[in-house]
Every structure is written in structure tokens, then in C-alpha cells.
């Protein structure tokens, strides 16, 4: 019996182009396992899946054990539209406050703390505590938090729905302004142990990830936009802008420099 390739998939809209293609193709001897970025980080590290889009933080932490697949990442060169710090105060005034962090993130939390550290805001003078998105922005900010980090579809929905008056800071924009580089949130990564045992499969899936991104952003784009809009209850124009102008997938030399900088600052 052939070994089953276990592929991790994130049910975030920014992964929809890849998910849509892989689900449509339904590769033989492949099992799809869905989870949050934090959950897939753990599964890949434990060897329970073979490749997945994992957080850039996890990729850097275990880069001796992983290789990039499809030369693909999840990034933004400026505003990303799905990673926000929502705050009652201006970001520079958050010292001594209580900031909520989500349990489904790794990279965004690391980036936020680096950005805040540049403003003199650290865990030594400010409280960081996990939140669970309950009640959306209004619910979180009315439960004792002065600011809260939202990621993924929770951030997309929150930023495009009516909510109490607060400041919304896009981490993609903050990172770009601070470093001059695109923000790399996730890396499509495969375990080196799996690659060494399955070089032909790795090459096959390497090509498939490239084809998934290319095909989904062209041939299937309208269908994907319709799905995303319906799932989130967000206007199609907003989703089209998000997937065509904000989120990008190609891993370039500038993305490598951004990752190197992130690693040096963590």
C-alpha cells in the first residue's frame, strides 16, 4: 500500500486560492488536514503532516528541518487587510496598557511585539494576554483590553463591519514602513525528512502549489471571489482587492531579506 501524503491546509481566505485548487484536483493518496496556523505549526513540527503553509515564525524556528515548497509564501508589500491591531488609543500610547493576542497566531504576534518594542512598549511595562475573538472588536475591547490583535478572516470581517470607534493598524503596513520590506506571514513548507524519502512526490507537489496559485488567481478567480464573499459576508470588490492587490504569494529575494530581519529581531 502506498504511503498517504498528509497535507495541511488553513481555512483562511488568504489560503483559498491554494485550497480551492488542491480540493478540486483531489490528489490520489493524499489526505487534507485543516487547522489554524498555530495548529499546523505543531502538526508539522511533530511530523504528523508532510507539508503545509505554516507561520513564518515556525519556519524560522525549525528551518533546518523544513524546505520551502512551491517557492511560495503568504505576504503583503504594504497593507495586508487581514492582520490588524485594533486599539482604543494611538499605538504609541499603549505603554502600560493591556493588549490582547489571539491563540491562532505566531508570526503576527512576533511582528507586533517587534513593532511595539521600537516604540518603547515591551512585556516589562505592558500586559499581553490571550483573547478569543468573542464578541468581535467591541466584545474584546469592552472586556478589559485596550488593544487587540486580530488575524485572518476574523480580522477581515472585523475591519469591514461596523464597530466601535477605534484605531485600526494594519501590520503589513506597519512592517513595511518600519523595515522597507514586505511582511511575510506564512511559508509553504515541507519536512526535509519527507522530502528525502519522497523526492518525486516533493517535485510533484512543488509544481502543484505553483500551478494552484497561478490557476486560481486567473482561471478560477471569479469563482474564488464569490466563495470568499459569501463565506465572510464581505463585498466582492473588497475580496477581489484583498486577493489581487494586498496578498501575494511569490517568495522573492526581498521576502528572504524580510525573513532574515524578522529572525534577527525575534
Protein backbone atom coordinates (compact mmCIF):
# COMPACT_ATOMS: atom_id res chain seq x y z
CA UNK A 1 0.00 0.00 0.00
CA UNK A 2 1.32 3.42 -0.93
CA UNK A 3 2.02 5.95 1.79
CA UNK A 4 -0.56 8.71 2.13
CA UNK A 5 0.79 12.25 1.83
CA UNK A 6 -0.68 14.38 4.62
CA UNK A 7 -1.23 17.96 3.54
CA UNK A 8 -2.09 20.70 6.00
CA UNK A 9 -4.47 23.43 4.85
CA UNK A 10 -5.56 26.63 6.60
CA UNK A 11 -9.18 27.66 6.13
CA UNK A 12 -8.31 31.35 5.89
CA UNK A 13 -9.28 33.34 2.82
CA UNK A 14 -5.62 34.10 2.09
CA UNK A 15 -5.11 30.35 1.56
CA UNK A 16 -8.27 29.90 -0.51
CA UNK A 17 -6.52 30.01 -3.93
CA UNK A 18 -4.32 27.04 -2.98
CA UNK A 19 -7.06 25.20 -1.07
CA UNK A 20 -9.54 25.58 -3.94
CA UNK A 21 -7.17 24.06 -6.49
CA UNK A 22 -5.99 21.18 -4.28
CA UNK A 23 -9.55 20.33 -3.23
CA UNK A 24 -10.69 20.46 -6.86
CA UNK A 25 -7.87 18.17 -8.03
CA UNK A 26 -8.22 15.77 -5.10
CA UNK A 27 -4.85 14.08 -5.47
CA UNK A 28 -4.78 10.30 -5.01
CA UNK A 29 -3.04 9.01 -1.89
CA UNK A 30 -3.32 12.43 -0.23
CA UNK A 31 -5.15 13.41 2.94
CA UNK A 32 -6.08 17.03 3.70
CA UNK A 33 -5.88 18.12 7.32
CA UNK A 34 -7.33 21.50 8.23
CA UNK A 35 -6.27 23.73 11.09
CA UNK A 36 -5.25 27.19 12.22
CA UNK A 37 -1.68 28.39 11.60
CA UNK A 38 -0.78 27.53 15.20
CA UNK A 39 -2.27 24.03 14.88
CA UNK A 40 -0.46 23.28 11.62
CA UNK A 41 2.80 24.60 13.09
CA UNK A 42 2.51 21.95 15.78
CA UNK A 43 1.48 19.14 13.44
CA UNK A 44 4.34 19.78 11.01
CA UNK A 45 6.87 20.03 13.83
CA UNK A 46 5.64 16.70 15.21
CA UNK A 47 5.82 15.04 11.78
CA UNK A 48 2.07 14.38 11.71
CA UNK A 49 1.71 16.18 8.36
CA UNK A 50 4.16 16.33 5.45
CA UNK A 51 3.76 19.87 4.19
CA UNK A 52 1.61 22.90 4.91
CA UNK A 53 1.51 26.68 4.97
CA UNK A 54 2.99 27.35 8.40
CA UNK A 55 3.75 30.62 10.10
CA UNK A 56 6.97 32.37 9.13
CA UNK A 57 7.85 32.23 12.84
CA UNK A 58 7.64 28.42 12.83
CA UNK A 59 9.57 28.21 9.55
CA UNK A 60 12.41 30.23 11.05
CA UNK A 61 12.32 28.30 14.32
CA UNK A 62 12.68 24.96 12.53
CA UNK A 63 14.25 25.95 9.21
CA UNK A 64 16.89 23.21 9.45
CA UNK A 65 14.04 20.73 9.26
CA UNK A 66 11.95 22.42 6.54
CA UNK A 67 12.22 23.44 2.90
CA UNK A 68 10.07 25.92 1.03
CA UNK A 69 7.63 24.23 -1.35
CA UNK A 70 6.36 25.90 -4.50
CA UNK A 71 8.64 28.88 -3.87
CA UNK A 72 5.51 30.26 -2.20
CA UNK A 73 4.67 32.31 0.84
CA UNK A 74 1.79 34.39 2.21
CA UNK A 75 2.80 38.02 2.32
CA UNK A 76 1.93 41.64 1.67
CA UNK A 77 4.02 44.50 0.38
CA UNK A 78 2.24 47.12 2.46
CA UNK A 79 -1.36 46.77 3.66
CA UNK A 80 -2.38 43.15 4.04
CA UNK A 81 -6.01 43.64 5.05
CA UNK A 82 -6.17 40.66 7.42
CA UNK A 83 -3.79 41.38 10.30
CA UNK A 84 -4.86 44.32 12.44
CA UNK A 85 -4.17 45.83 15.81
CA UNK A 86 -7.43 47.44 16.91
CA UNK A 87 -6.81 49.96 19.66
CA UNK A 88 -8.71 52.43 21.82
CA UNK A 89 -5.55 54.53 21.90
CA UNK A 90 -2.91 55.57 19.43
CA UNK A 91 -0.34 52.82 19.11
CA UNK A 92 2.44 54.93 20.62
CA UNK A 93 0.32 55.45 23.76
CA UNK A 94 -0.12 51.75 24.63
CA UNK A 95 2.67 51.53 27.20
CA UNK A 96 1.22 50.28 30.48
CA UNK A 97 -1.97 49.06 28.79
CA UNK A 98 -3.48 45.59 28.31
CA UNK A 99 -3.10 44.16 24.80
CA UNK A 100 -4.97 41.08 23.61
CA UNK A 101 -3.24 38.45 21.48
CA UNK A 102 -5.01 35.66 19.56
CA UNK A 103 -4.27 32.00 20.15
CA UNK A 104 -4.16 31.15 16.44
CA UNK A 105 -1.12 33.26 15.54
CA UNK A 106 2.65 33.13 15.86
CA UNK A 107 4.23 35.39 13.23
CA UNK A 108 1.81 38.28 13.69
CA UNK A 109 2.37 38.27 17.45
CA UNK A 110 6.14 38.31 16.93
CA UNK A 111 5.87 41.16 14.40
CA UNK A 112 3.57 43.17 16.66
CA UNK A 113 5.93 42.86 19.62
CA UNK A 114 8.88 43.95 17.46
CA UNK A 115 6.94 46.97 16.18
CA UNK A 116 5.82 47.90 19.70
CA UNK A 117 9.33 47.43 21.07
CA UNK A 118 10.53 50.12 18.66
CA UNK A 119 8.05 52.42 20.40
CA UNK A 120 9.27 51.51 23.89
CA UNK A 121 6.37 49.14 24.59
CA UNK A 122 7.51 45.76 25.96
CA UNK A 123 6.27 42.91 28.15
CA UNK A 124 8.13 44.56 31.04
CA UNK A 125 5.91 47.63 31.02
CA UNK A 126 2.78 46.38 29.25
CA UNK A 127 0.45 43.40 29.80
CA UNK A 128 -0.08 40.93 26.97
CA UNK A 129 -2.87 38.41 27.40
CA UNK A 130 -4.67 35.98 25.11
CA UNK A 131 -8.14 36.79 23.78
CA UNK A 132 -10.58 34.52 21.94
CA UNK A 133 -12.27 36.91 19.45
CA UNK A 134 -15.52 36.61 21.42
CA UNK A 135 -17.90 39.39 20.53
CA UNK A 136 -15.65 40.73 17.78
CA UNK A 137 -13.82 44.02 18.25
CA UNK A 138 -16.47 45.53 20.51
CA UNK A 139 -16.61 42.43 22.67
CA UNK A 140 -12.85 42.14 23.10
CA UNK A 141 -12.22 45.83 23.69
CA UNK A 142 -15.04 46.00 26.23
CA UNK A 143 -13.66 43.08 28.24
CA UNK A 144 -10.70 44.90 29.72
CA UNK A 145 -8.37 45.14 26.72
CA UNK A 146 -7.05 48.48 25.49
CA UNK A 147 -6.00 46.96 22.16
CA UNK A 148 -6.26 43.59 20.46
CA UNK A 149 -4.55 41.83 17.58
CA UNK A 150 -6.88 40.14 15.08
CA UNK A 151 -5.65 37.91 12.25
CA UNK A 152 -7.04 36.05 9.26
CA UNK A 153 -10.75 36.02 8.48
CA UNK A 154 -11.59 37.38 11.92
CA UNK A 155 -9.57 40.48 11.04
CA UNK A 156 -11.04 40.71 7.55
CA UNK A 157 -14.60 40.62 8.86
CA UNK A 158 -13.90 42.95 11.75
CA UNK A 159 -12.26 45.60 9.59
CA UNK A 160 -15.12 45.55 7.09
CA UNK A 161 -18.01 45.66 9.54
CA UNK A 162 -19.41 48.40 11.74
CA UNK A 163 -17.65 48.55 15.09
CA UNK A 164 -16.99 51.00 17.86
CA UNK A 165 -14.69 53.89 17.13
CA UNK A 166 -11.10 52.71 17.47
CA UNK A 167 -7.78 52.90 15.67
CA UNK A 168 -7.08 50.13 13.16
CA UNK A 169 -3.41 49.46 12.42
CA UNK A 170 -2.58 47.12 9.52
CA UNK A 171 0.54 45.12 10.49
CA UNK A 172 1.56 44.68 6.87
CA UNK A 173 1.75 48.45 6.51
CA UNK A 174 3.49 48.92 9.89
CA UNK A 175 6.14 46.31 8.99
CA UNK A 176 6.72 47.81 5.54
CA UNK A 177 7.05 51.32 7.00
CA UNK A 178 9.46 50.13 9.69
CA UNK A 179 11.67 47.84 7.59
CA UNK A 180 11.10 48.69 3.94
CA UNK A 181 10.39 45.01 3.24
CA UNK A 182 7.22 43.02 2.58
CA UNK A 183 5.68 41.31 5.59
CA UNK A 184 5.98 37.53 5.31
CA UNK A 185 3.28 35.91 7.43
CA UNK A 186 3.45 32.31 6.23
CA UNK A 187 5.67 29.90 4.32
CA UNK A 188 4.58 26.87 2.35
CA UNK A 189 6.88 24.33 3.97
CA UNK A 190 7.68 20.63 3.67
CA UNK A 191 9.55 18.43 6.13
CA UNK A 192 13.05 17.61 4.89
CA UNK A 193 12.68 14.05 6.21
CA UNK A 194 9.61 13.57 3.99
CA UNK A 195 11.38 15.16 1.00
CA UNK A 196 14.39 12.86 1.30
CA UNK A 197 12.08 9.81 1.31
CA UNK A 198 9.79 11.12 -1.42
CA UNK A 199 11.77 13.30 -3.85
CA UNK A 200 9.41 12.64 -6.77
CA UNK A 201 6.35 13.47 -4.68
CA UNK A 202 8.02 16.65 -3.47
CA UNK A 203 8.65 17.71 -7.06
CA UNK A 204 5.06 16.87 -7.96
CA UNK A 205 3.58 18.92 -5.14
CA UNK A 206 6.12 21.68 -5.66
CA UNK A 207 4.72 22.10 -9.18
CA UNK A 208 1.14 21.75 -7.95
CA UNK A 209 1.47 24.60 -5.45
CA UNK A 210 2.81 26.85 -8.22
CA UNK A 211 0.01 25.80 -10.54
CA UNK A 212 -2.59 26.23 -7.80
CA UNK A 213 -1.63 29.85 -7.23
CA UNK A 214 -1.36 30.68 -10.93
CA UNK A 215 -4.59 28.95 -11.95
CA UNK A 216 -6.67 30.13 -9.01
CA UNK A 217 -5.70 33.76 -9.48
CA UNK A 218 -6.60 33.58 -13.17
CA UNK A 219 -8.94 30.82 -14.36
CA UNK A 220 -10.82 30.31 -11.07
CA UNK A 221 -10.51 33.83 -9.67
CA UNK A 222 -14.16 34.89 -10.05
CA UNK A 223 -15.36 31.66 -8.50
CA UNK A 224 -12.98 32.07 -5.58
CA UNK A 225 -14.06 35.67 -5.03
CA UNK A 226 -17.70 34.57 -4.93
CA UNK A 227 -16.90 31.88 -2.36
CA UNK A 228 -14.88 34.26 -0.18
CA UNK A 229 -17.53 36.97 -0.32
CA UNK A 230 -20.29 34.53 0.63
CA UNK A 231 -18.28 32.89 3.43
CA UNK A 232 -17.37 36.18 5.10
CA UNK A 233 -20.35 38.32 4.18
CA UNK A 234 -17.97 40.88 2.68
CA UNK A 235 -18.49 42.66 -0.64
CA UNK A 236 -16.92 41.02 -3.70
CA UNK A 237 -14.96 44.17 -4.57
CA UNK A 238 -13.26 44.07 -1.18
CA UNK A 239 -12.35 40.39 -1.58
CA UNK A 240 -11.05 41.00 -5.10
CA UNK A 241 -8.80 43.80 -3.85
CA UNK A 242 -7.65 41.63 -0.97
CA UNK A 243 -6.60 38.64 -3.07
CA UNK A 244 -5.31 40.52 -6.11
CA UNK A 245 -3.70 43.65 -4.65
CA UNK A 246 -2.93 43.04 -0.96
CA UNK A 247 -1.96 39.39 -0.50
CA UNK A 248 0.88 37.97 -2.62
CA UNK A 249 2.38 34.50 -2.86
CA UNK A 250 5.72 34.71 -4.69
CA UNK A 251 8.80 34.33 -2.46
CA UNK A 252 11.45 36.76 -3.77
CA UNK A 253 14.85 37.99 -2.59
CA UNK A 254 13.13 40.83 -0.71
CA UNK A 255 10.95 38.33 1.10
CA UNK A 256 14.09 36.41 2.08
CA UNK A 257 15.62 39.64 3.44
CA UNK A 258 12.44 40.33 5.38
CA UNK A 259 12.55 36.84 6.92
CA UNK A 260 16.22 37.26 7.82
CA UNK A 261 15.43 40.57 9.51
CA UNK A 262 12.48 39.06 11.38
CA UNK A 263 14.70 36.26 12.62
CA UNK A 264 17.33 38.72 13.85
CA UNK A 265 14.73 40.77 15.74
CA UNK A 266 12.76 37.99 17.41
